[in-house]
C-alpha atoms as a PDB file:
ATOM      1  CA  MET A   1      -4.803  38.098  -6.730  1.00  0.00           C
ATOM      2  CA  TYR A   2      -8.103  37.871  -8.548  1.00  0.00           C
ATOM      3  CA  GLN A   3     -11.231  35.737  -8.464  1.00  0.00           C
ATOM      4  CA  THR A   4     -12.576  33.841 -11.457  1.00  0.00           C
ATOM      5  CA  THR A   5     -14.469  30.682 -12.358  1.00  0.00           C
ATOM      6  CA  GLY A   6     -13.556  27.861 -14.702  1.00  0.00           C
ATOM      7  CA  TYR A   7     -12.906  24.164 -15.149  1.00  0.00           C
ATOM      8  CA  ILE A   8      -9.923  21.943 -15.706  1.00  0.00           C
ATOM      9  CA  GLN A   9     -10.322  20.962 -19.338  1.00  0.00           C
ATOM     10  CA  ARG A  10      -7.494  18.481 -19.867  1.00  0.00           C
ATOM     11  CA  ASP A  11      -4.272  17.173 -18.441  1.00  0.00           C
ATOM     12  CA  ARG A  12      -1.138  18.937 -19.705  1.00  0.00           C
ATOM     13  CA  SER A  13       1.419  17.154 -17.542  1.00  0.00           C
ATOM     14  CA  ARG A  14       3.235  15.880 -20.633  1.00  0.00           C
ATOM     15  CA  PHE A  15       4.399  19.439 -21.312  1.00  0.00           C
ATOM     16  CA  LEU A  16       5.455  20.491 -17.814  1.00  0.00           C
ATOM     17  CA  ASP A  17       7.460  18.400 -15.371  1.00  0.00           C
ATOM     18  CA  LEU A  18       6.134  18.959 -11.845  1.00  0.00           C
ATOM     19  CA  VAL A  19       8.268  17.717  -8.962  1.00  0.00           C
ATOM     20  CA  GLU A  20       7.967  17.725  -5.188  1.00  0.00           C
ATOM     21  CA  THR A  21      11.063  19.040  -3.426  1.00  0.00           C
ATOM     22  CA  ASP A  22      12.507  19.565   0.017  1.00  0.00           C
ATOM     23  CA  ILE A  23      13.939  22.967  -0.949  1.00  0.00           C
ATOM     24  CA  ASP A  24      12.693  25.573   1.533  1.00  0.00           C
ATOM     25  CA  VAL A  25       9.799  27.478  -0.015  1.00  0.00           C
ATOM     26  CA  TYR A  26       7.741  30.171   1.677  1.00  0.00           C
ATOM     27  CA  LYS A  27       4.307  31.585   0.916  1.00  0.00           C
ATOM     28  CA  GLY A  28       4.489  34.312  -1.702  1.00  0.00           C
ATOM     29  CA  GLN A  29       7.324  32.699  -3.657  1.00  0.00           C
ATOM     30  CA  SER A  30       5.090  31.205  -6.363  1.00  0.00           C
ATOM     31  CA  GLY A  31       6.507  32.110  -9.756  1.00  0.00           C
ATOM     32  CA  SER A  32      10.012  32.623  -8.378  1.00  0.00           C
ATOM     33  CA  PRO A  33      12.862  30.989 -10.309  1.00  0.00           C
ATOM     34  CA  VAL A  34      15.033  28.244  -8.820  1.00  0.00           C
ATOM     35  CA  TYR A  35      18.706  28.553  -9.787  1.00  0.00           C
ATOM     36  CA  SER A  36      21.695  26.223  -9.628  1.00  0.00           C
ATOM     37  CA  TYR A  37      25.343  27.004 -10.291  1.00  0.00           C
ATOM     38  CA  ARG A  38      26.873  25.248 -13.310  1.00  0.00           C
ATOM     39  CA  MET A  39      30.611  25.301 -13.873  1.00  0.00           C
ATOM     40  CA  GLY A  40      31.395  27.315 -17.002  1.00  0.00           C
ATOM     41  CA  TYR A  41      27.865  28.750 -17.231  1.00  0.00           C
ATOM     42  CA  GLY A  42      27.275  30.406 -13.871  1.00  0.00           C
ATOM     43  CA  TYR A  43      23.798  30.480 -12.362  1.00  0.00           C
ATOM     44  CA  CYS A  44      21.136  28.790 -14.493  1.00  0.00           C
ATOM     45  CA  VAL A  45      17.374  28.624 -14.007  1.00  0.00           C
ATOM     46  CA  GLU A  46      16.314  25.062 -13.217  1.00  0.00           C
ATOM     47  CA  GLY A  47      12.638  25.604 -12.498  1.00  0.00           C
ATOM     48  CA  MET A  48       9.845  27.766 -11.132  1.00  0.00           C
ATOM     49  CA  ILE A  49       8.222  27.506  -7.708  1.00  0.00           C
ATOM     50  CA  VAL A  50       4.504  26.914  -8.094  1.00  0.00           C
ATOM     51  CA  ALA A  51       3.129  25.872  -4.698  1.00  0.00           C
ATOM     52  CA  THR A  52       3.793  25.075  -1.090  1.00  0.00           C
ATOM     53  CA  SER A  53       1.496  23.130   1.202  1.00  0.00           C
ATOM     54  CA  VAL A  54       1.617  21.004   4.334  1.00  0.00           C
ATOM     55  CA  LYS A  55       1.207  17.216   4.514  1.00  0.00           C
ATOM     56  CA  ASN A  56      -1.117  15.632   7.086  1.00  0.00           C
ATOM     57  CA  ASP A  57       1.892  14.994   9.364  1.00  0.00           C
ATOM     58  CA  GLY A  58       2.834  18.686   9.310  1.00  0.00           C
ATOM     59  CA  GLU A  59       5.797  18.295   6.948  1.00  0.00           C
ATOM     60  CA  PRO A  60       5.993  20.850   4.121  1.00  0.00           C
ATOM     61  CA  ARG A  61       5.332  19.874   0.509  1.00  0.00           C
ATOM     62  CA  ASN A  62       6.956  22.152  -2.038  1.00  0.00           C
ATOM     63  CA  PHE A  63       6.450  21.922  -5.786  1.00  0.00           C
ATOM     64  CA  ILE A  64       8.547  23.150  -8.710  1.00  0.00           C
ATOM     65  CA  ILE A  65       7.912  23.096 -12.450  1.00  0.00           C
ATOM     66  CA  LEU A  66      11.215  22.109 -14.042  1.00  0.00           C
ATOM     67  CA  MET A  67      12.473  24.077 -17.020  1.00  0.00           C
ATOM     68  CA  ASN A  68      12.249  22.048 -20.216  1.00  0.00           C
ATOM     69  CA  ASN A  69      12.283  22.791 -23.949  1.00  0.00           C
ATOM     70  CA  PHE A  70       8.517  23.391 -24.081  1.00  0.00           C
ATOM     71  CA  LEU A  71       8.535  25.929 -21.223  1.00  0.00           C
ATOM     72  CA  THR A  72      11.717  27.654 -22.403  1.00  0.00           C
ATOM     73  CA  GLY A  73      10.286  28.022 -25.919  1.00  0.00           C
ATOM     74  CA  PHE A  74       6.981  29.351 -24.574  1.00  0.00           C
ATOM     75  CA  ILE A  75       8.720  31.957 -22.381  1.00  0.00           C
ATOM     76  CA  ASN A  76      11.066  33.046 -25.174  1.00  0.00           C
ATOM     77  CA  ASN A  77       8.117  33.592 -27.544  1.00  0.00           C
ATOM     78  CA  LEU A  78       6.013  35.758 -25.218  1.00  0.00           C
ATOM     79  CA  PRO A  79       5.123  39.120 -26.810  1.00  0.00           C
END
């Protein structure tokens, strides 16, 4: 973890699909992949855990960025 300063400059939600889920997520799992089993393909990455929080009523809120063409292309082109 590190500390920095900055501002949100613009919305990029059109590139990344963020969803709320009821999949069990625990602190420290941010960045972890979420897999599903697909017949004929085996285990495939479906998304990446990005946050977990608690609603006002105490229920957990878990968020996942879904894999899409933009994110897959970005990851595949990392140096």
